Amino acid sequence: MAQKDETTYDFPKDLLKSQVELEEVRGELKILLGKQPWSVEPLAAWTTHENHWRASSRPDSPGWDPSDQLRIATLRKRELELAALILGHPFWKELAAEERTDARTKLKHHRQPTEKATA
């Protein structure tokens, strides 16, 4: 039976805050993008030729609402800013190179309940 890694890391508060915000931004983006039509710009419906190797089609797309486009652009920009803050945080230099992958994984999952907490 494999041993469970019990290593914990004392993540700085600003790093944790950035990770939480990144998760929230990505969640909002996923929801917002899921509600959008297939094309950002208004485009007519189309269907591939009957002899095409893989048949596909799309309905008419009214395009994205300008306010949604602005919100998505703002969220994407913030997502990149947060990712850069997290990846470039000085905390990672405090860890040995072989510990960084494990620490990054634990940072990503720090808000998820552990097996002990759910048992």
C-alpha atoms as a PDB file:
ATOM      1  CA  MET A   1       0.000   0.000   0.000  1.00  0.00           C
ATOM      2  CA  ALA A   2       1.362   3.414  -1.005  1.00  0.00           C
ATOM      3  CA  GLN A   3       2.113   5.884   1.755  1.00  0.00           C
ATOM      4  CA  LYS A   4       0.084   9.064   1.814  1.00  0.00           C
ATOM      5  CA  ASP A   5       2.298  12.145   1.654  1.00  0.00           C
ATOM      6  CA  GLU A   6       1.605  14.194   4.768  1.00  0.00           C
ATOM      7  CA  THR A   7       3.987  17.029   3.853  1.00  0.00           C
ATOM      8  CA  THR A   8       2.443  20.412   4.510  1.00  0.00           C
ATOM      9  CA  TYR A   9       3.625  23.811   3.418  1.00  0.00           C
ATOM     10  CA  ASP A  10       3.275  27.151   5.136  1.00  0.00           C
ATOM     11  CA  PHE A  11       2.023  29.115   2.156  1.00  0.00           C
ATOM     12  CA  PRO A  12       2.194  32.910   2.492  1.00  0.00           C
ATOM     13  CA  LYS A  13      -1.222  34.569   2.816  1.00  0.00           C
ATOM     14  CA  ASP A  14      -0.805  36.588  -0.383  1.00  0.00           C
ATOM     15  CA  LEU A  15      -0.038  33.401  -2.328  1.00  0.00           C
ATOM     16  CA  LEU A  16      -3.126  31.680  -0.913  1.00  0.00           C
ATOM     17  CA  LYS A  17      -5.244  34.739  -1.660  1.00  0.00           C
ATOM     18  CA  SER A  18      -3.995  34.826  -5.256  1.00  0.00           C
ATOM     19  CA  GLN A  19      -4.747  31.112  -5.694  1.00  0.00           C
ATOM     20  CA  VAL A  20      -8.285  31.523  -4.335  1.00  0.00           C
ATOM     21  CA  GLU A  21      -8.920  34.478  -6.633  1.00  0.00           C
ATOM     22  CA  LEU A  22      -7.519  32.545  -9.607  1.00  0.00           C
ATOM     23  CA  GLU A  23      -9.941  29.687  -8.910  1.00  0.00           C
ATOM     24  CA  GLU A  24     -12.832  32.158  -8.678  1.00  0.00           C
ATOM     25  CA  VAL A  25     -11.857  33.927 -11.906  1.00  0.00           C
ATOM     26  CA  ARG A  26     -11.545  30.619 -13.760  1.00  0.00           C
ATOM     27  CA  GLY A  27     -14.899  29.463 -12.421  1.00  0.00           C
ATOM     28  CA  GLU A  28     -16.605  32.661 -13.550  1.00  0.00           C
ATOM     29  CA  LEU A  29     -14.921  32.421 -16.958  1.00  0.00           C
ATOM     30  CA  LYS A  30     -16.064  28.825 -17.403  1.00  0.00           C
ATOM     31  CA  ILE A  31     -19.671  29.754 -16.661  1.00  0.00           C
ATOM     32  CA  LEU A  32     -19.616  32.859 -18.844  1.00  0.00           C
ATOM     33  CA  LEU A  33     -17.920  31.142 -21.786  1.00  0.00           C
ATOM     34  CA  GLY A  34     -20.372  28.242 -21.538  1.00  0.00           C
ATOM     35  CA  LYS A  35     -23.265  30.640 -22.156  1.00  0.00           C
ATOM     36  CA  GLN A  36     -21.777  32.205 -25.293  1.00  0.00           C
ATOM     37  CA  PRO A  37     -22.708  31.366 -28.888  1.00  0.00           C
ATOM     38  CA  TRP A  38     -20.103  29.457 -30.898  1.00  0.00           C
ATOM     39  CA  SER A  39     -18.814  32.583 -32.672  1.00  0.00           C
ATOM     40  CA  VAL A  40     -17.759  35.886 -31.132  1.00  0.00           C
ATOM     41  CA  GLU A  41     -18.848  37.685 -34.308  1.00  0.00           C
ATOM     42  CA  PRO A  42     -22.287  37.188 -35.873  1.00  0.00           C
ATOM     43  CA  LEU A  43     -22.004  34.393 -38.449  1.00  0.00           C
ATOM     44  CA  ALA A  44     -24.456  32.428 -40.539  1.00  0.00           C
ATOM     45  CA  ALA A  45     -25.116  28.748 -39.966  1.00  0.00           C
ATOM     46  CA  TRP A  46     -23.011  26.249 -41.915  1.00  0.00           C
ATOM     47  CA  THR A  47     -22.789  22.540 -42.665  1.00  0.00           C
ATOM     48  CA  THR A  48     -19.874  20.610 -44.079  1.00  0.00           C
ATOM     49  CA  HIS A  49     -20.149  19.074 -47.550  1.00  0.00           C
ATOM     50  CA  GLU A  50     -21.849  15.674 -47.629  1.00  0.00           C
ATOM     51  CA  ASN A  51     -18.580  13.971 -48.641  1.00  0.00           C
ATOM     52  CA  HIS A  52     -16.518  15.645 -45.954  1.00  0.00           C
ATOM     53  CA  TRP A  53     -14.512  13.201 -43.845  1.00  0.00           C
ATOM     54  CA  ARG A  54     -16.366  14.301 -40.720  1.00  0.00           C
ATOM     55  CA  ALA A  55     -19.790  15.836 -40.895  1.00  0.00           C
ATOM     56  CA  SER A  56     -20.387  18.882 -38.739  1.00  0.00           C
ATOM     57  CA  SER A  57     -22.548  21.954 -38.630  1.00  0.00           C
ATOM     58  CA  ARG A  58     -23.244  25.075 -36.621  1.00  0.00           C
ATOM     59  CA  PRO A  59     -26.425  27.116 -36.192  1.00  0.00           C
ATOM     60  CA  ASP A  60     -26.608  30.865 -36.774  1.00  0.00           C
ATOM     61  CA  SER A  61     -24.525  32.766 -34.245  1.00  0.00           C
ATOM     62  CA  PRO A  62     -25.743  36.169 -33.138  1.00  0.00           C
ATOM     63  CA  GLY A  63     -22.250  36.845 -31.775  1.00  0.00           C
ATOM     64  CA  TRP A  64     -21.299  37.716 -28.245  1.00  0.00           C
ATOM     65  CA  ASP A  65     -22.880  40.585 -26.404  1.00  0.00           C
ATOM     66  CA  PRO A  66     -20.379  43.491 -26.102  1.00  0.00           C
ATOM     67  CA  SER A  67     -20.735  43.543 -22.308  1.00  0.00           C
ATOM     68  CA  ASP A  68     -19.917  39.803 -22.195  1.00  0.00           C
ATOM     69  CA  GLN A  69     -16.916  40.359 -24.472  1.00  0.00           C
ATOM     70  CA  LEU A  70     -15.627  43.054 -22.123  1.00  0.00           C
ATOM     71  CA  ARG A  71     -16.195  40.900 -19.015  1.00  0.00           C
ATOM     72  CA  ILE A  72     -14.466  37.908 -20.612  1.00  0.00           C
ATOM     73  CA  ALA A  73     -11.499  40.042 -21.687  1.00  0.00           C
ATOM     74  CA  THR A  74     -11.233  41.499 -18.177  1.00  0.00           C
ATOM     75  CA  LEU A  75     -11.379  38.048 -16.579  1.00  0.00           C
ATOM     76  CA  ARG A  76      -8.786  36.620 -18.975  1.00  0.00           C
ATOM     77  CA  LYS A  77      -6.447  39.513 -18.236  1.00  0.00           C
ATOM     78  CA  ARG A  78      -6.860  38.996 -14.490  1.00  0.00           C
ATOM     79  CA  GLU A  79      -6.325  35.249 -14.904  1.00  0.00           C
ATOM     80  CA  LEU A  80      -2.966  35.901 -16.575  1.00  0.00           C
ATOM     81  CA  GLU A  81      -1.969  38.433 -13.903  1.00  0.00           C
ATOM     82  CA  LEU A  82      -2.783  35.997 -11.106  1.00  0.00           C
ATOM     83  CA  ALA A  83      -1.009  33.102 -12.800  1.00  0.00           C
ATOM     84  CA  ALA A  84       2.111  35.260 -13.154  1.00  0.00           C
ATOM     85  CA  LEU A  85       1.888  36.331  -9.492  1.00  0.00           C
ATOM     86  CA  ILE A  86       1.574  32.731  -8.341  1.00  0.00           C
ATOM     87  CA  LEU A  87       4.307  31.311 -10.563  1.00  0.00           C
ATOM     88  CA  GLY A  88       6.714  34.159  -9.833  1.00  0.00           C
ATOM     89  CA  HIS A  89       6.103  34.292  -6.082  1.00  0.00           C
ATOM     90  CA  PRO A  90       9.313  34.308  -3.989  1.00  0.00           C
ATOM     91  CA  PHE A  91       7.950  31.406  -1.889  1.00  0.00           C
ATOM     92  CA  TRP A  92       8.920  28.897  -4.588  1.00  0.00           C
ATOM     93  CA  LYS A  93      12.606  29.818  -4.236  1.00  0.00           C
ATOM     94  CA  GLU A  94      12.456  28.789  -0.560  1.00  0.00           C
ATOM     95  CA  LEU A  95      11.715  25.197  -1.570  1.00  0.00           C
ATOM     96  CA  ALA A  96      14.060  22.631  -2.992  1.00  0.00           C
ATOM     97  CA  ALA A  97      13.420  22.072  -6.701  1.00  0.00           C
ATOM     98  CA  GLU A  98      12.157  18.533  -6.100  1.00  0.00           C
ATOM     99  CA  GLU A  99       9.515  19.817  -3.638  1.00  0.00           C
ATOM    100  CA  ARG A 100       7.989  22.475  -5.894  1.00  0.00           C
ATOM    101  CA  THR A 101       5.696  20.206  -7.889  1.00  0.00           C
ATOM    102  CA  ASP A 102       4.211  18.701  -4.736  1.00  0.00           C
ATOM    103  CA  ALA A 103       3.847  22.138  -3.136  1.00  0.00           C
ATOM    104  CA  ARG A 104       2.167  23.564  -6.233  1.00  0.00           C
ATOM    105  CA  THR A 105      -0.270  20.665  -6.321  1.00  0.00           C
ATOM    106  CA  LYS A 106      -1.105  21.170  -2.654  1.00  0.00           C
ATOM    107  CA  LEU A 107      -1.597  24.892  -3.213  1.00  0.00           C
ATOM    108  CA  LYS A 108      -4.065  24.150  -6.012  1.00  0.00           C
ATOM    109  CA  HIS A 109      -6.024  21.806  -3.744  1.00  0.00           C
ATOM    110  CA  HIS A 110      -5.649  23.622  -0.445  1.00  0.00           C
ATOM    111  CA  ARG A 111      -9.379  24.378  -0.116  1.00  0.00           C
ATOM    112  CA  GLN A 112     -10.574  20.868  -0.920  1.00  0.00           C
ATOM    113  CA  PRO A 113     -11.483  18.740   2.111  1.00  0.00           C
ATOM    114  CA  THR A 114      -8.988  16.046   3.029  1.00  0.00           C
ATOM    115  CA  GLU A 115      -9.941  12.397   3.471  1.00  0.00           C
ATOM    116  CA  LYS A 116      -9.617  12.809   7.233  1.00  0.00           C
ATOM    117  CA  ALA A 117     -12.008  15.753   7.280  1.00  0.00           C
ATOM    118  CA  THR A 118     -14.648  13.913   5.249  1.00  0.00           C
ATOM    119  CA  ALA A 119     -14.317  10.586   7.112  1.00  0.00           C
END
